[in-house]
N, C-alpha and C. Protein backbone atom coordinates (compact mmCIF):
# COMPACT_ATOMS: atom_id res chain seq x y z
N MET A 1 3.98 -14.33 -8.96
CA MET A 1 2.60 -13.58 -8.37
C MET A 1 2.28 -13.77 -6.83
N ILE A 2 2.61 -15.02 -6.53
CA ILE A 2 2.20 -15.33 -4.99
C ILE A 2 3.08 -14.15 -4.32
N GLY A 3 4.27 -13.99 -4.51
CA GLY A 3 5.25 -13.26 -3.69
C GLY A 3 4.54 -11.91 -3.91
N PHE A 4 4.14 -11.47 -4.95
CA PHE A 4 3.56 -10.13 -5.18
C PHE A 4 2.43 -9.91 -4.01
N MET A 5 1.64 -10.79 -4.13
CA MET A 5 0.49 -10.84 -3.24
C MET A 5 0.97 -10.72 -1.78
N ASP A 6 1.89 -11.64 -1.46
CA ASP A 6 2.26 -11.68 0.05
C ASP A 6 3.06 -9.99 0.25
N ASP A 7 3.78 -9.62 -0.36
CA ASP A 7 4.31 -8.28 -0.43
C ASP A 7 3.15 -7.23 -0.27
N LEU A 8 2.16 -7.39 -1.00
CA LEU A 8 1.00 -6.32 -1.18
C LEU A 8 0.38 -6.51 0.28
N LYS A 9 0.12 -7.97 0.71
CA LYS A 9 -0.64 -7.91 1.93
C LYS A 9 0.30 -7.48 3.18
N GLN A 10 1.45 -7.66 3.07
CA GLN A 10 2.28 -6.95 4.14
C GLN A 10 2.30 -5.69 4.23
N LYS A 11 2.44 -5.11 2.89
CA LYS A 11 2.34 -3.34 2.84
C LYS A 11 1.13 -2.78 3.38
N VAL A 12 0.16 -3.48 2.92
CA VAL A 12 -1.35 -2.90 3.37
C VAL A 12 -1.45 -3.15 4.91
N ASP A 13 -0.99 -4.30 5.37
CA ASP A 13 -1.05 -4.52 6.87
C ASP A 13 -0.28 -3.49 7.61
N ALA A 14 1.03 -3.27 7.22
CA ALA A 14 1.77 -2.30 7.74
C ALA A 14 1.10 -0.72 7.84
N MET A 15 0.52 -0.65 6.66
CA MET A 15 0.10 0.65 6.40
C MET A 15 -1.32 0.83 7.42
N MET A 16 -2.16 -0.05 7.29
CA MET A 16 -3.37 0.18 8.40
C MET A 16 -2.97 0.05 9.80
N LYS A 17 -1.91 -0.63 10.21
CA LYS A 17 -1.41 -0.59 11.64
C LYS A 17 -0.76 0.87 11.89
N LEU A 18 -0.03 1.41 10.85
CA LEU A 18 0.39 2.79 10.83
C LEU A 18 -0.60 3.75 10.92
N ALA A 19 -1.73 3.63 10.14
CA ALA A 19 -2.86 4.55 10.29
C ALA A 19 -3.56 4.53 11.41
N VAL A 20 -3.80 3.29 12.08
CA VAL A 20 -4.73 3.27 13.24
C VAL A 20 -3.69 3.87 14.52
N ALA A 21 -2.49 3.56 14.35
CA ALA A 21 -1.61 4.04 15.37
C ALA A 21 -1.53 5.53 15.26
N GLY A 22 -1.34 6.17 14.18
CA GLY A 22 -1.35 7.54 13.95
C GLY A 22 -2.76 8.19 14.48
N ALA A 23 -3.88 7.64 13.95
CA ALA A 23 -5.09 8.16 14.60
C ALA A 23 -5.33 8.17 16.03
N ILE A 24 -4.87 7.17 16.66
CA ILE A 24 -4.72 7.00 18.18
C ILE A 24 -3.98 8.06 18.82
N ALA A 25 -2.67 8.36 18.16
CA ALA A 25 -1.91 9.31 18.85
C ALA A 25 -2.41 10.68 18.31
N SER A 26 -3.04 10.86 17.18
CA SER A 26 -3.56 12.29 17.03
C SER A 26 -4.84 12.58 18.10
N ALA A 27 -5.42 11.46 18.14
CA ALA A 27 -6.62 11.81 19.16
C ALA A 27 -6.15 12.07 20.57
N ALA A 28 -5.07 11.32 21.00
CA ALA A 28 -4.37 11.40 22.25
C ALA A 28 -3.84 12.97 22.36
N VAL A 29 -3.32 13.42 21.41
CA VAL A 29 -2.70 14.74 21.43
C VAL A 29 -3.94 15.99 21.42
N VAL A 30 -4.84 15.43 20.59
CA VAL A 30 -5.92 16.75 20.74
C VAL A 30 -6.59 16.61 22.07
N VAL A 31 -6.80 15.51 22.80
CA VAL A 31 -7.34 15.42 23.97
C VAL A 31 -6.45 16.01 24.92
N ALA A 32 -5.18 15.82 24.92
CA ALA A 32 -4.19 16.43 25.89
C ALA A 32 -4.00 18.07 25.75
N PHE A 33 -4.28 18.35 24.24
CA PHE A 33 -4.14 19.93 24.08
C PHE A 33 -5.49 20.57 24.71
N PHE A 34 -6.60 19.85 24.55
CA PHE A 34 -7.83 20.47 25.26
C PHE A 34 -7.86 20.48 26.72
N CYS A 35 -7.32 19.51 27.38
CA CYS A 35 -7.24 19.46 28.91
C CYS A 35 -6.10 20.58 29.22
N PHE A 36 -5.16 20.50 28.56
CA PHE A 36 -4.26 21.94 29.00
C PHE A 36 -5.03 23.02 28.86
N ALA A 37 -5.65 23.32 27.68
CA ALA A 37 -6.49 24.54 27.46
C ALA A 37 -7.49 24.93 28.51
N VAL A 38 -8.12 23.71 28.98
CA VAL A 38 -9.16 23.91 30.07
C VAL A 38 -8.47 24.06 31.24
N SER A 39 -7.37 23.55 31.60
CA SER A 39 -6.78 23.88 33.00
C SER A 39 -6.08 25.23 32.88
N LEU A 40 -5.73 25.80 31.60
CA LEU A 40 -5.13 27.11 31.46
C LEU A 40 -6.28 27.87 31.80
N PHE A 41 -7.35 27.78 31.00
CA PHE A 41 -8.53 28.86 31.31
C PHE A 41 -8.91 28.86 32.68
N LEU A 42 -9.15 27.58 33.41
CA LEU A 42 -9.50 27.77 34.94
C LEU A 42 -8.46 28.39 35.80
N TRP A 43 -7.09 28.16 35.53
CA TRP A 43 -6.05 28.91 36.32
C TRP A 43 -6.12 30.36 35.97
N VAL A 44 -6.16 30.78 34.86
CA VAL A 44 -6.23 32.25 34.50
C VAL A 44 -7.72 32.68 35.06
N GLN A 45 -8.75 32.10 35.10
CA GLN A 45 -9.82 32.61 35.41
C GLN A 45 -9.95 32.97 37.00
N LEU A 46 -9.34 31.92 37.70
CA LEU A 46 -9.14 32.16 39.27
C LEU A 46 -8.05 33.10 39.49
N THR A 47 -7.12 33.31 38.87
CA THR A 47 -6.10 34.19 39.08
C THR A 47 -6.35 35.74 38.69
N TYR A 48 -6.92 35.76 37.27
CA TYR A 48 -7.01 37.09 36.78
C TYR A 48 -8.43 37.59 36.71
N GLY A 49 -9.33 36.49 36.41
CA GLY A 49 -10.54 36.70 35.93
C GLY A 49 -11.21 35.98 34.76
N THR A 50 -12.42 36.20 34.40
CA THR A 50 -12.85 35.46 33.23
C THR A 50 -12.44 36.19 31.73
N LEU A 51 -12.72 37.31 31.69
CA LEU A 51 -12.17 37.98 30.44
C LEU A 51 -10.68 37.72 30.22
N GLU A 52 -9.82 37.85 31.22
CA GLU A 52 -8.51 37.35 30.83
C GLU A 52 -8.19 36.15 30.50
N ALA A 53 -8.95 35.28 31.12
CA ALA A 53 -9.04 33.71 30.83
C ALA A 53 -9.34 33.53 29.39
N TRP A 54 -10.40 34.19 28.74
CA TRP A 54 -11.05 33.90 27.38
C TRP A 54 -9.90 34.44 26.51
N LEU A 55 -9.21 35.59 26.87
CA LEU A 55 -8.12 36.11 26.13
C LEU A 55 -6.91 35.36 25.97
N ALA A 56 -6.35 34.74 27.17
CA ALA A 56 -5.36 33.65 27.20
C ALA A 56 -5.66 32.62 26.29
N LEU A 57 -6.85 32.05 26.33
CA LEU A 57 -7.33 30.87 25.52
C LEU A 57 -7.22 31.36 24.07
N GLY A 58 -7.83 32.47 23.72
CA GLY A 58 -7.70 32.94 22.45
C GLY A 58 -6.41 33.05 21.93
N ALA A 59 -5.52 33.65 22.61
CA ALA A 59 -4.07 33.77 22.22
C ALA A 59 -3.29 32.36 22.17
N LEU A 60 -3.62 31.51 22.81
CA LEU A 60 -3.16 30.02 22.77
C LEU A 60 -3.51 29.41 21.34
N PHE A 61 -4.85 29.59 20.94
CA PHE A 61 -5.45 29.10 19.72
C PHE A 61 -4.84 29.68 18.61
N LEU A 62 -4.65 31.16 18.64
CA LEU A 62 -4.02 32.00 17.75
C LEU A 62 -2.58 31.68 17.33
N LEU A 63 -1.95 31.25 18.51
CA LEU A 63 -0.24 30.86 18.35
C LEU A 63 -0.29 29.43 17.69
N LEU A 64 -1.27 28.52 17.85
CA LEU A 64 -1.49 27.17 17.55
C LEU A 64 -1.69 27.56 15.93
N ALA A 65 -2.56 28.36 15.51
CA ALA A 65 -2.96 28.49 14.09
C ALA A 65 -1.70 29.07 13.21
N ILE A 66 -0.83 29.99 13.91
CA ILE A 66 0.17 30.58 13.39
C ILE A 66 1.33 29.59 13.16
N VAL A 67 1.34 28.91 14.17
CA VAL A 67 2.42 27.53 14.20
C VAL A 67 2.27 26.71 12.91
N CYS A 68 0.98 26.31 12.80
CA CYS A 68 0.40 25.31 11.82
C CYS A 68 0.59 26.12 10.46
N GLY A 69 0.08 27.24 10.40
CA GLY A 69 0.45 28.03 9.05
C GLY A 69 1.85 28.21 8.53
N ILE A 70 2.68 28.16 9.51
CA ILE A 70 4.04 28.39 9.19
C ILE A 70 4.67 26.95 8.71
N VAL A 71 4.18 25.89 9.39
CA VAL A 71 4.59 24.51 8.84
C VAL A 71 4.13 24.18 7.54
N MET A 72 2.65 24.65 7.29
CA MET A 72 2.08 24.39 6.12
C MET A 72 2.73 25.09 4.90
N ILE A 73 3.13 26.35 4.98
CA ILE A 73 3.79 27.16 3.93
C ILE A 73 5.13 26.50 3.84
N SER A 74 5.82 25.96 4.78
CA SER A 74 7.29 25.51 4.64
C SER A 74 7.26 24.19 3.95
N LEU A 75 6.09 23.56 4.33
CA LEU A 75 5.89 22.15 3.62
C LEU A 75 5.65 22.35 1.90
N ARG A 76 4.72 23.37 1.84
CA ARG A 76 4.45 23.45 0.49
C ARG A 76 5.49 24.17 -0.56
N ARG A 77 6.42 24.92 0.24
CA ARG A 77 7.77 25.34 -0.52
C ARG A 77 8.79 24.27 -0.82
N ARG A 78 8.72 23.24 -0.04
CA ARG A 78 9.78 22.09 0.01
C ARG A 78 9.50 21.55 -1.48
N LYS A 79 10.64 21.29 -2.02
CA LYS A 79 10.80 20.66 -3.41
C LYS A 79 10.70 19.21 -3.13
N PRO A 80 9.96 18.39 -4.00
CA PRO A 80 9.88 17.04 -3.82
C PRO A 80 11.15 16.20 -4.12
N LEU A 81 11.44 15.25 -3.37
CA LEU A 81 12.82 14.73 -3.60
C LEU A 81 12.95 13.90 -5.02
N GLN A 82 13.93 14.14 -5.76
CA GLN A 82 14.39 13.41 -7.00
C GLN A 82 14.63 11.82 -6.81
N ARG A 83 13.51 10.95 -7.25
CA ARG A 83 13.96 9.66 -7.23
C ARG A 83 14.75 9.27 -8.37
N ALA A 84 15.59 8.41 -8.27
CA ALA A 84 16.68 7.90 -9.32
C ALA A 84 15.71 6.70 -10.17
N GLU A 85 15.88 6.76 -11.30
CA GLU A 85 15.04 5.83 -12.28
C GLU A 85 15.46 4.58 -11.72
N PRO A 86 14.55 3.40 -11.77
CA PRO A 86 15.26 2.00 -11.37
C PRO A 86 15.69 1.69 -12.73
N LYS A 87 16.58 0.77 -12.56
CA LYS A 87 17.22 -0.11 -13.70
C LYS A 87 16.29 -0.82 -14.38
N PRO A 88 16.59 -1.17 -15.59
CA PRO A 88 15.56 -2.21 -16.47
C PRO A 88 15.59 -3.40 -15.77
N SER A 89 16.59 -3.80 -14.96
CA SER A 89 16.31 -5.13 -14.26
C SER A 89 15.53 -5.04 -13.09
N GLU A 90 15.41 -3.85 -12.21
CA GLU A 90 14.71 -3.58 -11.37
C GLU A 90 13.19 -3.04 -11.62
N GLN A 91 12.83 -2.86 -12.66
CA GLN A 91 11.69 -2.48 -13.22
C GLN A 91 10.59 -3.54 -13.03
N PRO A 92 9.37 -3.23 -12.44
CA PRO A 92 8.40 -4.38 -12.39
C PRO A 92 7.97 -4.89 -13.74
N SER A 93 7.43 -6.14 -13.74
CA SER A 93 6.94 -6.85 -14.94
C SER A 93 5.84 -5.87 -15.29
N ALA A 94 5.27 -6.19 -16.68
CA ALA A 94 4.12 -5.51 -17.10
C ALA A 94 2.81 -5.99 -16.33
N VAL A 95 3.00 -7.22 -15.87
CA VAL A 95 1.72 -7.59 -15.16
C VAL A 95 1.48 -6.84 -13.79
N LEU A 96 2.71 -6.79 -13.18
CA LEU A 96 2.73 -6.01 -11.79
C LEU A 96 2.28 -4.55 -12.05
N ARG A 97 2.75 -3.91 -13.17
CA ARG A 97 2.56 -2.59 -13.32
C ARG A 97 1.09 -2.37 -13.71
N LEU A 98 0.51 -3.48 -14.25
CA LEU A 98 -0.97 -3.35 -14.84
C LEU A 98 -1.84 -3.53 -13.44
N LEU A 99 -1.27 -4.41 -12.64
CA LEU A 99 -2.11 -4.64 -11.25
C LEU A 99 -2.25 -3.61 -10.34
N GLN A 100 -0.98 -2.61 -10.47
CA GLN A 100 -1.14 -1.34 -9.96
C GLN A 100 -1.77 -0.23 -10.32
N GLU A 101 -2.26 -0.53 -11.44
CA GLU A 101 -3.10 0.59 -12.02
C GLU A 101 -4.38 0.90 -11.31
N PRO A 102 -4.71 2.01 -10.80
CA PRO A 102 -6.13 2.21 -10.22
C PRO A 102 -7.29 1.89 -10.92
N ALA A 103 -7.19 2.05 -12.36
CA ALA A 103 -8.45 1.81 -13.07
C ALA A 103 -8.52 0.08 -13.06
N VAL A 104 -7.43 -0.50 -13.11
CA VAL A 104 -7.74 -1.93 -13.06
C VAL A 104 -8.23 -2.38 -11.91
N LEU A 105 -7.75 -2.01 -10.74
CA LEU A 105 -8.19 -2.42 -9.45
C LEU A 105 -9.83 -1.90 -9.36
N LEU A 106 -10.19 -0.67 -9.87
CA LEU A 106 -11.48 -0.35 -9.53
C LEU A 106 -12.29 -1.10 -10.49
N THR A 107 -11.91 -1.56 -11.75
CA THR A 107 -12.71 -2.58 -12.56
C THR A 107 -12.92 -3.87 -12.18
N GLY A 108 -11.93 -4.18 -11.44
CA GLY A 108 -11.96 -5.74 -10.73
C GLY A 108 -13.04 -5.55 -9.55
N LEU A 109 -12.93 -4.49 -8.72
CA LEU A 109 -13.95 -4.30 -7.77
C LEU A 109 -15.28 -4.13 -8.29
N GLN A 110 -15.59 -3.35 -9.41
CA GLN A 110 -16.87 -3.28 -9.95
C GLN A 110 -17.39 -4.81 -10.42
N LEU A 111 -16.42 -5.56 -11.00
CA LEU A 111 -16.88 -6.99 -11.53
C LEU A 111 -17.23 -7.92 -10.20
N VAL A 112 -16.50 -7.72 -9.22
CA VAL A 112 -16.69 -8.41 -8.06
C VAL A 112 -18.27 -8.04 -7.42
N ARG A 113 -18.50 -6.88 -7.45
CA ARG A 113 -19.82 -6.45 -7.18
C ARG A 113 -20.91 -6.73 -8.08
N MET A 114 -20.73 -6.68 -9.33
CA MET A 114 -21.72 -7.06 -10.28
C MET A 114 -21.88 -8.48 -10.26
N VAL A 115 -20.93 -9.35 -10.11
CA VAL A 115 -21.03 -10.94 -10.42
C VAL A 115 -21.34 -11.56 -9.19
N GLY A 116 -20.89 -10.88 -8.03
CA GLY A 116 -21.00 -11.33 -6.74
C GLY A 116 -20.02 -12.28 -6.14
N PRO A 117 -19.78 -12.42 -5.00
CA PRO A 117 -18.77 -13.50 -4.37
C PRO A 117 -19.14 -14.94 -4.67
N ARG A 118 -20.46 -15.31 -4.65
CA ARG A 118 -20.92 -16.69 -4.87
C ARG A 118 -20.26 -17.23 -6.10
N VAL A 119 -20.02 -16.40 -7.35
CA VAL A 119 -19.38 -16.83 -8.47
C VAL A 119 -17.87 -16.72 -8.47
N ILE A 120 -17.44 -15.46 -8.05
CA ILE A 120 -16.16 -15.16 -7.83
C ILE A 120 -15.05 -16.12 -7.28
N VAL A 121 -15.64 -16.39 -5.99
CA VAL A 121 -14.75 -17.19 -5.14
C VAL A 121 -14.45 -18.46 -5.76
N PRO A 122 -15.41 -19.42 -6.42
CA PRO A 122 -15.13 -20.56 -7.01
C PRO A 122 -14.29 -20.38 -8.12
N ALA A 123 -14.68 -19.16 -8.95
CA ALA A 123 -13.62 -19.05 -10.10
C ALA A 123 -12.15 -18.96 -9.61
N LEU A 124 -12.13 -18.04 -8.50
CA LEU A 124 -10.55 -17.78 -8.19
C LEU A 124 -10.03 -19.02 -7.66
N ILE A 125 -10.59 -20.00 -6.97
CA ILE A 125 -10.18 -21.09 -6.64
C ILE A 125 -9.80 -22.06 -7.64
N LEU A 126 -10.56 -22.09 -8.58
CA LEU A 126 -10.51 -22.99 -9.85
C LEU A 126 -9.14 -22.49 -10.53
N SER A 127 -9.07 -21.07 -10.60
CA SER A 127 -7.91 -20.58 -11.44
C SER A 127 -6.61 -20.75 -10.54
N ALA A 128 -6.72 -20.76 -9.34
CA ALA A 128 -5.43 -20.92 -8.43
C ALA A 128 -5.03 -22.26 -8.74
N VAL A 129 -5.95 -23.34 -8.60
CA VAL A 129 -5.75 -24.71 -8.62
C VAL A 129 -4.92 -24.99 -10.15
N ALA A 130 -5.58 -24.25 -11.23
CA ALA A 130 -5.17 -24.56 -12.60
C ALA A 130 -3.88 -23.82 -12.71
N GLY A 131 -3.53 -22.70 -11.94
CA GLY A 131 -2.30 -22.06 -12.22
C GLY A 131 -1.20 -22.93 -11.33
N GLY A 132 -1.48 -23.36 -10.26
CA GLY A 132 -0.52 -24.35 -9.58
C GLY A 132 -0.26 -25.49 -10.32
N ILE A 133 -1.29 -26.16 -10.99
CA ILE A 133 -0.78 -27.14 -11.92
C ILE A 133 0.10 -26.88 -12.86
N LEU A 134 -0.35 -25.78 -13.57
CA LEU A 134 0.52 -25.30 -14.71
C LEU A 134 1.89 -24.89 -14.28
N MET A 135 2.06 -24.45 -13.09
CA MET A 135 3.40 -23.90 -12.51
C MET A 135 4.16 -24.97 -12.19
N SER A 136 3.53 -26.07 -11.82
CA SER A 136 4.49 -27.22 -11.14
C SER A 136 4.93 -28.17 -12.32
N ARG A 137 4.23 -27.82 -13.68
CA ARG A 137 4.89 -28.63 -14.73
C ARG A 137 5.98 -27.74 -15.25
N ASN A 138 6.98 -28.43 -15.43
CA ASN A 138 8.52 -27.72 -15.87
C ASN A 138 8.80 -28.06 -17.27
N GLY A 139 7.88 -28.83 -17.87
CA GLY A 139 8.21 -29.34 -19.20
C GLY A 139 9.32 -30.37 -19.30
N ASN A 140 9.68 -31.00 -18.48
CA ASN A 140 10.76 -31.84 -18.57
C ASN A 140 10.38 -33.23 -19.44
N GLY A 141 9.07 -33.70 -19.16
CA GLY A 141 8.67 -34.92 -20.03
C GLY A 141 8.89 -34.58 -21.36
N HIS A 142 8.35 -33.36 -21.76
CA HIS A 142 8.35 -33.11 -23.27
C HIS A 142 9.87 -32.83 -23.76
N ARG A 143 10.68 -32.35 -22.82
CA ARG A 143 12.13 -32.20 -23.16
C ARG A 143 12.71 -33.47 -23.36
N ASP A 144 12.55 -34.34 -22.41
CA ASP A 144 13.09 -35.69 -22.28
C ASP A 144 12.77 -36.74 -23.60
N ARG A 145 11.58 -36.54 -24.05
CA ARG A 145 11.24 -37.15 -25.23
C ARG A 145 11.98 -36.59 -26.56
N HIS A 146 12.07 -35.37 -26.62
CA HIS A 146 13.05 -34.77 -27.67
C HIS A 146 14.49 -34.98 -27.56
N GLU A 147 15.02 -34.92 -26.45
CA GLU A 147 16.60 -35.37 -26.24
C GLU A 147 16.68 -36.73 -26.67
N ALA A 148 15.77 -37.89 -26.22
CA ALA A 148 15.90 -39.11 -26.60
C ALA A 148 15.79 -39.44 -27.98
N ALA A 149 14.91 -38.67 -28.82
CA ALA A 149 14.87 -38.51 -30.33
C ALA A 149 16.27 -38.04 -30.70
N ASP A 150 16.61 -37.03 -30.41
CA ASP A 150 17.89 -36.59 -30.91
C ASP A 150 19.12 -37.43 -30.61
N ALA A 151 19.13 -38.14 -29.58
CA ALA A 151 20.14 -39.03 -29.29
C ALA A 151 20.12 -40.26 -30.03
N TYR A 152 18.71 -40.71 -30.38
CA TYR A 152 18.46 -41.94 -31.32
C TYR A 152 18.99 -41.43 -32.81
N GLU A 153 18.73 -40.18 -33.20
CA GLU A 153 19.13 -39.79 -34.55
C GLU A 153 20.54 -39.79 -34.69
N GLN A 154 21.23 -39.37 -33.72
CA GLN A 154 22.80 -39.25 -33.55
C GLN A 154 23.35 -40.44 -33.42
N ASP A 155 22.72 -41.76 -33.00
CA ASP A 155 23.32 -42.87 -32.76
C ASP A 155 22.98 -43.66 -34.17
N GLN A 156 22.03 -43.44 -34.91
CA GLN A 156 21.52 -44.00 -36.17
C GLN A 156 22.39 -43.36 -37.54
N GLY A 157 22.98 -42.12 -37.23
CA GLY A 157 23.66 -41.53 -38.18
C GLY A 157 22.76 -40.89 -39.21
N PHE A 158 21.50 -40.32 -38.80
CA PHE A 158 20.42 -39.75 -39.46
C PHE A 158 20.99 -38.11 -39.60
N ASP A 159 20.49 -37.71 -40.65
CA ASP A 159 20.93 -36.32 -40.77
C ASP A 159 19.62 -35.46 -40.48
N ALA A 160 19.53 -34.82 -39.53
CA ALA A 160 18.26 -34.09 -38.82
C ALA A 160 18.00 -32.75 -39.57
N GLY A 161 18.64 -32.44 -40.41
CA GLY A 161 18.35 -31.20 -41.17
C GLY A 161 19.30 -30.32 -41.68
């Protein structure tokens, strides 16, 4: 479970960094495009006049709209990639699949809002400590007692069953 949380944290962190970088790059492209459009307008206005400058700017925006429309149509017609079904050994466990369900995540968020962090945080800490204690127990003490009893029965010649 800890590995799942670390993996989820890394994926969310990478996704957020990618989203921020994409937003910055998109804003820079938009600003650069409008700077180009203004400089084109000013150059055409000085060379040919105001009406021709507006027509050139309108043609530029029309060209941009046509290119974006063609890209949108081509992306809509593209078939989605067929993903191979994971092998049963590669499929996530039931707990991981349950934690990936949006309804479960939304229910958890609503529970946190309803109960409040003052109650949730100590409960999470206590459950983490209890889970750590239970996971650190590997049952060797219990098994050792049974193996000792089995060895004793074999030495005494008892019939165990």
